[in-house]
Amino acid sequence: MVVERFLEGLRLAGEMFWETWWALVLGFTIAGAVETFVSEEKMSAVLGGDGWRELGLGTAFGAASSSCSFGAVATTKSLFKKGASPVASLAAFQFASTNLVIELGLVMWILLGWQFVLADYVAGLLLIALLATTFKYVVPDDWFAAARDHLQETDGVRDPSCGMEVDPSDDDVVTLETDGGTEYFCSESCREAYAEEQRQVDQPWTERLTSRDGWRLASKNALGEWGMLWTDIVAGFLIAGLIAAFVPRVWWTTLFGVGAEGTFGWVVASAAIGVAIGVVTFVCSVGNVPFAVILWNNGIAFGGVMSFIFADLIVPTIDDAYRRYYGLRIAAVLFVSIFVTAVIAGIVIHYAWGALGLIPPQGEAGGTAPSGYTRYLNAAFTLVLLAQVYVGYWSAAAADVSEGAHAG
């Protein structure tokens, strides 16, 4: 019996992964291209204020700079350290770079439906506005100033390519002399990626867009997105499949108070429980979508699905990163503010979508992508991924050998 349920869970996980494979490749391809042609330095230079312009730019840069939750937190920390405001970085960029990205929308579109995708963007923008208001008018400015000082004092030497902390005295650390001083890297591949990226930054983006090196770097960056996210994505599908196979429906109906559907208490409870489940599952926003399908199929309110997905930035490991980066006080501010605003955004979008008649029947999910084309899309985008591997690594290695031969 247990073996049968386990196999059923694997089958369900495999089906969901198969349905979304092409969307993941497409999303990471776009993310890799944007990362290549928009530099972090240019972003931080225009995110210093806390007005609507900076809020909008932070949101747009975040949505374009797709990343895993940990990568988003690390990039946000770098922007904040370089002078970006809390509103533009901690409120807008950080949330948008995990919850308003194209691969999340594509996976959600396939597994849940377009109504959820549109709700994700509208509720996400509402959440960003609520966070920005909180950081601007509620949290004292000197708390963020102290957090920036704490970051400056405690942030160690990091690999500028992957963000990993490195020890300059370690014999395995790779170095590169630049105009700004010595940079330290965890590996030779990170140094090469950084050097190539810097060469690209010095060129106008129009030249990068039409150059072979530009697209080679875009391929590397797309593969880097896979490197950051593949464990979370696989974990998300496996968790969703196994829970669907092993957890009886009566447990879910008890948890979500099925029978009280339509009441305000049911909506609020669904949103709060959704955030709580999101906190304890330790999965990124994209990896959360398969689990969201399980919750939706078992009685959680529409808004609770949104609240659950928005909780990826307050899982315990992320909270610990906040504490190390900004100190315990701002870590607590981030946890409480994201928790509360995720609940509020979920409740608001539930009633807004209900008024507009956009909430699908309970448990009805997915099917908006033409299912007959799935195998063709998967085949096509598998070829795209293989081309990225070739362009990003094999052709790059051949070019390096050729350059070395000419230099000799």
Protein backbone atom coordinates (compact mmCIF):
# COMPACT_ATOMS: atom_id res chain seq x y z
CA MET A 1 0.00 0.00 0.00
CA VAL A 2 2.77 2.43 0.94
CA VAL A 3 4.79 1.50 -2.13
CA GLU A 4 1.75 2.03 -4.35
CA ARG A 5 1.10 5.47 -2.87
CA PHE A 6 4.76 6.38 -3.23
CA LEU A 7 4.73 5.40 -6.89
CA GLU A 8 1.52 7.34 -7.38
CA GLY A 9 3.17 10.40 -5.85
CA LEU A 10 6.11 10.07 -8.21
CA ARG A 11 3.73 9.70 -11.15
CA LEU A 12 1.85 12.88 -10.20
CA ALA A 13 5.13 14.77 -9.74
CA GLY A 14 6.37 13.57 -13.12
CA GLU A 15 3.17 14.63 -14.85
CA MET A 16 3.35 18.15 -13.45
CA PHE A 17 7.03 18.43 -14.34
CA TRP A 18 6.32 17.24 -17.89
CA GLU A 19 3.54 19.80 -18.33
CA THR A 20 5.77 22.70 -17.23
CA TRP A 21 9.19 21.76 -18.67
CA TRP A 22 9.00 24.01 -21.73
CA ALA A 23 7.78 26.95 -19.63
CA LEU A 24 10.72 26.64 -17.25
CA VAL A 25 13.25 26.60 -20.10
CA LEU A 26 11.57 29.62 -21.72
CA GLY A 27 11.47 31.53 -18.44
CA PHE A 28 15.12 30.90 -17.60
CA THR A 29 16.15 31.77 -21.16
CA ILE A 30 14.51 35.18 -20.88
CA ALA A 31 15.93 35.69 -17.39
CA GLY A 32 19.45 34.88 -18.59
CA ALA A 33 19.17 37.37 -21.44
CA VAL A 34 17.92 40.16 -19.18
CA GLU A 35 20.67 39.49 -16.64
CA THR A 36 23.22 39.83 -19.44
CA PHE A 37 21.99 43.11 -20.83
CA VAL A 38 21.04 44.94 -17.58
CA SER A 39 23.85 45.30 -15.03
CA GLU A 40 23.50 45.44 -11.24
CA GLU A 41 25.55 48.64 -11.13
CA LYS A 42 23.10 50.42 -13.42
CA MET A 43 20.18 49.23 -11.31
CA SER A 44 21.62 50.39 -7.99
CA ALA A 45 22.44 53.81 -9.47
CA VAL A 46 18.75 54.62 -10.02
CA LEU A 47 17.22 53.00 -6.92
CA GLY A 48 18.41 55.44 -4.27
CA GLY A 49 15.12 57.24 -3.68
CA ASP A 50 11.85 56.08 -2.12
CA GLY A 51 9.36 57.67 -4.52
CA TRP A 52 7.01 56.11 -7.04
CA ARG A 53 9.69 56.15 -9.75
CA GLU A 54 12.15 54.12 -7.68
CA LEU A 55 9.37 51.81 -6.53
CA GLY A 56 8.37 51.17 -10.13
CA LEU A 57 11.94 50.69 -11.34
CA GLY A 58 12.72 48.33 -8.45
CA THR A 59 9.66 46.28 -9.31
CA ALA A 60 10.49 46.20 -13.02
CA PHE A 61 14.14 45.29 -12.43
CA GLY A 62 13.10 42.61 -9.97
CA ALA A 63 10.55 41.06 -12.32
CA ALA A 64 13.21 41.01 -15.04
CA SER A 65 15.99 39.74 -12.75
CA SER A 66 14.55 36.30 -12.13
CA SER A 67 16.19 34.37 -9.33
CA CYS A 68 15.67 31.80 -6.60
CA SER A 69 14.68 33.17 -3.20
CA PHE A 70 18.25 32.95 -1.90
CA GLY A 71 19.66 34.60 -5.02
CA ALA A 72 17.06 37.37 -4.80
CA VAL A 73 17.94 38.03 -1.16
CA ALA A 74 21.67 38.13 -1.99
CA THR A 75 21.16 40.54 -4.92
CA THR A 76 18.88 42.73 -2.82
CA LYS A 77 21.52 42.86 -0.11
CA SER A 78 24.08 43.99 -2.68
CA LEU A 79 21.76 46.71 -4.01
CA PHE A 80 20.94 47.89 -0.48
CA LYS A 81 24.63 47.95 0.42
CA LYS A 82 25.40 50.06 -2.66
CA GLY A 83 22.80 52.67 -1.70
CA ALA A 84 19.43 51.47 -2.98
CA SER A 85 16.60 52.55 -0.68
CA PRO A 86 14.64 50.05 1.45
CA VAL A 87 11.55 50.85 -0.61
CA ALA A 88 13.24 50.14 -3.95
CA SER A 89 15.31 47.14 -2.81
CA LEU A 90 13.73 45.34 0.17
CA ALA A 91 10.12 46.09 -0.80
CA ALA A 92 10.09 46.18 -4.61
CA PHE A 93 13.10 44.42 -6.11
CA GLN A 94 13.33 41.52 -3.66
CA PHE A 95 9.67 40.52 -3.86
CA ALA A 96 9.33 41.06 -7.61
CA SER A 97 12.43 38.98 -8.40
CA THR A 98 10.82 35.86 -6.97
CA ASN A 99 7.06 36.38 -7.28
CA LEU A 100 6.51 38.47 -10.42
CA VAL A 101 8.87 36.62 -12.76
CA ILE A 102 7.94 35.10 -16.09
CA GLU A 103 8.72 31.46 -15.24
CA LEU A 104 6.40 31.61 -12.21
CA GLY A 105 3.63 33.02 -14.39
CA LEU A 106 4.12 30.37 -17.06
CA VAL A 107 4.10 27.47 -14.58
CA MET A 108 1.07 28.93 -12.80
CA TRP A 109 -0.72 29.43 -16.12
CA ILE A 110 -0.24 25.77 -17.02
CA LEU A 111 -0.99 24.18 -13.63
CA LEU A 112 -3.59 26.59 -12.21
CA GLY A 113 -4.95 28.81 -14.99
CA TRP A 114 -4.75 32.37 -16.23
CA GLN A 115 -6.96 33.71 -13.43
CA PHE A 116 -4.25 32.80 -10.93
CA VAL A 117 -1.51 34.36 -13.07
CA LEU A 118 -3.34 37.68 -13.31
CA ALA A 119 -4.12 37.55 -9.59
CA ASP A 120 -0.46 36.90 -8.80
CA TYR A 121 0.61 40.10 -10.56
CA VAL A 122 -2.18 42.29 -9.19
CA ALA A 123 -1.87 40.99 -5.62
CA GLY A 124 1.92 41.10 -5.90
CA LEU A 125 1.86 44.78 -6.83
CA LEU A 126 -0.51 45.43 -3.93
CA LEU A 127 1.85 43.62 -1.56
CA ILE A 128 4.82 45.67 -2.82
CA ALA A 129 2.84 48.89 -2.27
CA LEU A 130 1.94 47.79 1.27
CA LEU A 131 5.56 46.89 2.05
CA ALA A 132 6.80 50.19 0.62
CA THR A 133 4.28 52.13 2.73
CA THR A 134 5.36 50.22 5.82
CA PHE A 135 9.06 50.80 5.22
CA LYS A 136 8.57 54.49 4.39
CA TYR A 137 6.08 55.56 7.06
CA VAL A 138 6.13 52.95 9.84
CA VAL A 139 9.69 51.66 10.24
CA PRO A 140 12.06 54.40 11.54
CA ASP A 141 14.74 55.51 9.08
CA ASP A 142 17.47 55.01 11.66
CA TRP A 143 16.59 51.30 11.87
CA PHE A 144 17.45 50.90 8.19
CA ALA A 145 20.55 53.08 8.63
CA ALA A 146 21.69 50.78 11.43
CA ALA A 147 20.95 47.76 9.20
CA ARG A 148 23.12 49.22 6.45
CA ASP A 149 25.93 49.84 8.94
CA HIS A 150 25.57 46.26 10.21
CA LEU A 151 25.79 44.99 6.64
CA GLN A 152 28.90 47.04 5.90
CA GLU A 153 30.59 45.77 9.06
CA THR A 154 29.70 42.09 8.83
CA ASP A 155 29.58 41.36 5.11
CA GLY A 156 32.67 39.32 4.30
CA VAL A 157 34.53 38.94 1.03
CA ARG A 158 32.23 37.46 -1.58
CA ASP A 159 32.63 36.04 -5.03
CA PRO A 160 31.21 38.82 -7.26
CA SER A 161 29.99 36.22 -9.75
CA CYS A 162 28.01 33.76 -7.62
CA GLY A 163 27.81 35.67 -4.31
CA MET A 164 29.42 32.90 -2.27
CA GLU A 165 31.49 34.03 0.71
CA VAL A 166 35.21 33.27 0.22
CA ASP A 167 38.31 33.38 2.40
CA PRO A 168 41.08 35.37 0.65
CA SER A 169 43.71 33.39 2.56
CA ASP A 170 42.45 30.06 1.22
CA ASP A 171 44.85 28.47 -1.28
CA ASP A 172 41.92 27.39 -3.49
CA VAL A 173 40.60 30.94 -3.93
CA VAL A 174 41.08 32.39 -7.43
CA THR A 175 41.91 36.08 -7.85
CA LEU A 176 41.58 38.72 -10.55
CA GLU A 177 43.15 42.17 -10.54
CA THR A 178 40.70 44.89 -11.62
CA ASP A 179 40.67 48.68 -11.68
CA GLY A 180 38.79 48.58 -8.36
CA GLY A 181 41.28 46.25 -6.69
CA THR A 182 41.58 42.49 -6.24
CA GLU A 183 38.47 40.35 -6.67
CA TYR A 184 38.28 36.87 -5.10
CA PHE A 185 36.45 33.90 -6.60
CA CYS A 186 35.47 30.45 -5.39
CA SER A 187 36.41 28.84 -8.73
CA GLU A 188 38.05 29.47 -12.07
CA SER A 189 34.67 29.26 -13.83
CA CYS A 190 33.30 32.08 -11.67
CA ARG A 191 36.34 34.23 -12.46
CA GLU A 192 35.91 33.61 -16.18
CA ALA A 193 32.20 34.41 -15.99
CA TYR A 194 32.92 37.64 -14.11
CA ALA A 195 35.64 38.72 -16.54
CA GLU A 196 33.39 38.07 -19.51
CA GLU A 197 30.52 39.92 -17.86
CA GLN A 198 32.74 42.94 -17.21
CA ARG A 199 33.81 42.98 -20.85
CA GLN A 200 30.16 42.98 -21.80
CA VAL A 201 29.28 45.78 -19.36
CA ASP A 202 31.84 48.06 -21.01
CA GLN A 203 30.03 47.71 -24.34
CA PRO A 204 26.77 49.47 -25.27
CA TRP A 205 23.83 47.12 -24.73
CA THR A 206 22.99 47.31 -28.44
CA GLU A 207 26.41 45.85 -29.29
CA ARG A 208 26.03 43.15 -26.64
CA LEU A 209 22.64 42.27 -28.03
CA THR A 210 24.08 41.57 -31.48
CA SER A 211 27.38 39.99 -30.46
CA ARG A 212 28.27 36.32 -30.16
CA ASP A 213 29.88 36.90 -26.76
CA GLY A 214 26.73 38.59 -25.52
CA TRP A 215 24.54 35.59 -26.29
CA ARG A 216 27.19 33.20 -25.02
CA LEU A 217 27.01 35.00 -21.68
CA ALA A 218 23.20 34.98 -21.85
CA SER A 219 23.34 31.19 -22.28
CA LYS A 220 25.65 30.88 -19.28
CA ASN A 221 23.34 33.04 -17.19
CA ALA A 222 20.31 30.97 -18.18
CA LEU A 223 22.15 27.81 -17.14
CA GLY A 224 23.11 29.60 -13.92
CA GLU A 225 19.40 30.09 -13.18
CA TRP A 226 18.96 26.33 -13.49
CA GLY A 227 21.91 25.83 -11.16
CA MET A 228 20.29 27.98 -8.48
CA LEU A 229 16.75 26.69 -8.78
CA TRP A 230 16.71 23.07 -9.92
CA THR A 231 16.78 21.56 -6.41
CA ASP A 232 13.89 23.77 -5.24
CA ILE A 233 11.87 23.00 -8.36
CA VAL A 234 12.39 19.24 -8.11
CA ALA A 235 11.62 19.36 -4.39
CA GLY A 236 8.44 21.30 -5.09
CA PHE A 237 7.14 18.75 -7.57
CA LEU A 238 8.10 15.79 -5.37
CA ILE A 239 6.54 17.29 -2.24
CA ALA A 240 3.32 18.09 -4.10
CA GLY A 241 3.09 14.64 -5.68
CA LEU A 242 3.78 12.73 -2.46
CA ILE A 243 1.41 14.87 -0.38
CA ALA A 244 -1.33 14.37 -2.96
CA ALA A 245 -0.80 10.62 -2.74
CA PHE A 246 -0.41 10.23 1.04
CA VAL A 247 -2.48 12.94 2.78
CA PRO A 248 -6.21 12.08 2.92
CA ARG A 249 -8.69 14.73 1.81
CA VAL A 250 -10.43 14.72 5.21
CA TRP A 251 -7.27 16.21 6.74
CA TRP A 252 -7.34 19.12 4.33
CA THR A 253 -11.08 19.73 4.74
CA THR A 254 -10.59 19.92 8.50
CA LEU A 255 -7.61 22.28 8.17
CA PHE A 256 -9.33 24.69 5.78
CA GLY A 257 -12.73 24.52 7.40
CA VAL A 258 -14.43 23.22 4.29
CA GLY A 259 -18.13 23.67 4.87
CA ALA A 260 -17.65 27.31 5.83
CA GLU A 261 -16.81 28.38 2.28
CA GLY A 262 -17.72 31.92 1.42
CA THR A 263 -17.47 33.30 4.95
CA PHE A 264 -15.00 36.04 5.83
CA GLY A 265 -13.48 33.82 8.52
CA TRP A 266 -12.79 31.09 5.97
CA VAL A 267 -11.02 33.52 3.64
CA VAL A 268 -8.90 35.02 6.44
CA ALA A 269 -8.03 31.59 7.83
CA SER A 270 -7.09 30.32 4.37
CA ALA A 271 -4.77 33.29 3.81
CA ALA A 272 -3.10 32.94 7.21
CA ILE A 273 -2.78 29.15 6.95
CA GLY A 274 -1.46 29.52 3.40
CA VAL A 275 1.37 31.78 4.57
CA ALA A 276 2.13 29.45 7.50
CA ILE A 277 2.36 26.43 5.18
CA GLY A 278 4.55 28.43 2.81
CA VAL A 279 6.92 29.26 5.65
CA VAL A 280 7.42 25.64 6.74
CA THR A 281 7.73 24.06 3.27
CA PHE A 282 11.10 25.73 2.46
CA VAL A 283 10.46 25.88 -1.30
CA CYS A 284 10.91 28.73 -3.80
CA SER A 285 7.96 30.48 -5.47
CA VAL A 286 8.16 28.41 -8.69
CA GLY A 287 8.51 25.19 -6.72
CA ASN A 288 5.49 26.22 -4.62
CA VAL A 289 3.09 26.16 -7.57
CA PRO A 290 2.64 22.34 -7.68
CA PHE A 291 1.87 22.38 -3.95
CA ALA A 292 -0.55 25.26 -4.53
CA VAL A 293 -2.46 22.99 -6.89
CA ILE A 294 -2.85 20.46 -4.07
CA LEU A 295 -4.09 23.14 -1.68
CA TRP A 296 -6.54 24.51 -4.25
CA ASN A 297 -7.87 21.04 -5.01
CA ASN A 298 -8.47 20.40 -1.31
CA GLY A 299 -10.44 23.43 -0.22
CA ILE A 300 -8.20 26.46 0.42
CA ALA A 301 -9.68 29.80 -0.64
CA PHE A 302 -8.54 31.43 -3.87
CA GLY A 303 -6.77 34.17 -1.93
CA GLY A 304 -5.09 31.57 0.25
CA VAL A 305 -3.30 30.22 -2.83
CA MET A 306 -1.80 33.67 -3.45
CA SER A 307 -0.79 34.10 0.20
CA PHE A 308 0.87 30.69 0.18
CA ILE A 309 2.97 31.48 -2.91
CA PHE A 310 4.02 34.87 -1.49
CA ALA A 311 5.52 33.29 1.65
CA ASP A 312 8.72 32.05 -0.01
CA LEU A 313 10.71 35.06 1.26
CA ILE A 314 10.11 34.31 4.96
CA VAL A 315 11.11 30.66 5.24
CA PRO A 316 13.45 30.02 8.22
CA THR A 317 16.66 29.86 6.17
CA ILE A 318 15.83 33.20 4.52
CA ASP A 319 14.98 34.72 7.90
CA ASP A 320 18.39 33.64 9.17
CA ALA A 321 20.00 35.35 6.16
CA TYR A 322 18.12 38.55 7.04
CA ARG A 323 19.44 38.32 10.58
CA ARG A 324 23.03 37.88 9.40
CA TYR A 325 22.80 40.65 6.82
CA TYR A 326 20.76 43.33 8.56
CA GLY A 327 20.59 42.39 12.23
CA LEU A 328 17.81 40.84 14.31
CA ARG A 329 15.58 43.94 14.38
CA ILE A 330 15.21 44.37 10.61
CA ALA A 331 14.98 40.58 10.21
CA ALA A 332 11.93 40.67 12.50
CA VAL A 333 10.51 43.65 10.59
CA LEU A 334 10.85 41.79 7.28
CA PHE A 335 9.25 38.61 8.63
CA VAL A 336 6.27 40.33 10.25
CA SER A 337 5.67 42.80 7.42
CA ILE A 338 5.84 40.16 4.66
CA PHE A 339 3.65 37.76 6.64
CA VAL A 340 0.97 40.39 7.31
CA THR A 341 1.01 41.91 3.81
CA ALA A 342 0.84 38.46 2.20
CA VAL A 343 -2.30 37.73 4.23
CA ILE A 344 -3.83 41.11 3.37
CA ALA A 345 -3.00 40.78 -0.34
CA GLY A 346 -4.55 37.31 -0.41
CA ILE A 347 -7.77 38.51 1.23
CA VAL A 348 -8.08 41.56 -1.02
CA ILE A 349 -7.48 39.63 -4.25
CA HIS A 350 -9.97 36.97 -3.18
CA TYR A 351 -12.80 39.47 -2.85
CA ALA A 352 -11.71 41.50 -5.89
CA TRP A 353 -11.64 38.41 -8.11
CA GLY A 354 -14.91 37.23 -6.59
CA ALA A 355 -16.58 40.54 -7.46
CA LEU A 356 -15.27 40.30 -11.03
CA GLY A 357 -16.34 36.66 -11.40
CA LEU A 358 -12.76 35.51 -12.02
CA ILE A 359 -12.50 32.79 -9.36
CA PRO A 360 -12.71 29.35 -11.02
CA PRO A 361 -14.88 26.66 -9.44
CA GLN A 362 -13.16 25.26 -6.35
CA GLY A 363 -10.57 22.66 -7.33
CA GLU A 364 -10.72 23.42 -11.05
CA ALA A 365 -7.16 24.07 -12.21
CA GLY A 366 -4.97 24.35 -15.28
CA GLY A 367 -5.65 23.32 -18.83
CA THR A 368 -5.28 26.74 -20.43
CA ALA A 369 -2.12 25.74 -22.32
CA PRO A 370 -2.96 23.63 -25.39
CA SER A 371 -2.19 20.18 -23.97
CA GLY A 372 -1.83 18.60 -27.40
CA TYR A 373 1.23 20.74 -28.03
CA THR A 374 3.04 19.87 -24.80
CA ARG A 375 5.31 17.22 -26.32
CA TYR A 376 6.20 19.48 -29.24
CA LEU A 377 6.93 22.45 -26.96
CA ASN A 378 8.98 20.24 -24.64
CA ALA A 379 10.97 18.86 -27.57
CA ALA A 380 11.59 22.33 -29.01
CA PHE A 381 12.71 23.85 -25.72
CA THR A 382 14.86 20.85 -24.87
CA LEU A 383 16.75 21.69 -28.07
CA VAL A 384 16.97 25.29 -26.85
CA LEU A 385 18.48 24.10 -23.56
CA LEU A 386 20.98 21.87 -25.36
CA ALA A 387 21.92 24.81 -27.57
CA GLN A 388 22.52 26.91 -24.45
CA VAL A 389 24.78 24.22 -23.01
CA TYR A 390 26.74 24.13 -26.27
CA VAL A 391 26.98 27.91 -26.68
CA GLY A 392 27.62 28.59 -23.01
CA TYR A 393 30.24 25.92 -22.35
CA TRP A 394 31.47 23.81 -25.25
CA SER A 395 31.86 26.65 -27.75
CA ALA A 396 33.25 28.87 -24.98
CA ALA A 397 35.89 26.26 -24.18
CA ALA A 398 36.78 25.96 -27.87
CA ALA A 399 37.08 29.75 -28.13
CA ASP A 400 39.36 29.85 -25.09
CA VAL A 401 41.60 27.18 -26.61
CA SER A 402 41.73 29.08 -29.89
CA GLU A 403 42.56 32.36 -28.15
CA GLY A 404 45.31 30.60 -26.18
CA ALA A 405 46.80 29.17 -29.36
CA HIS A 406 46.84 32.58 -31.05
CA ALA A 407 48.39 34.15 -27.95
CA GLY A 408 51.10 31.47 -27.98
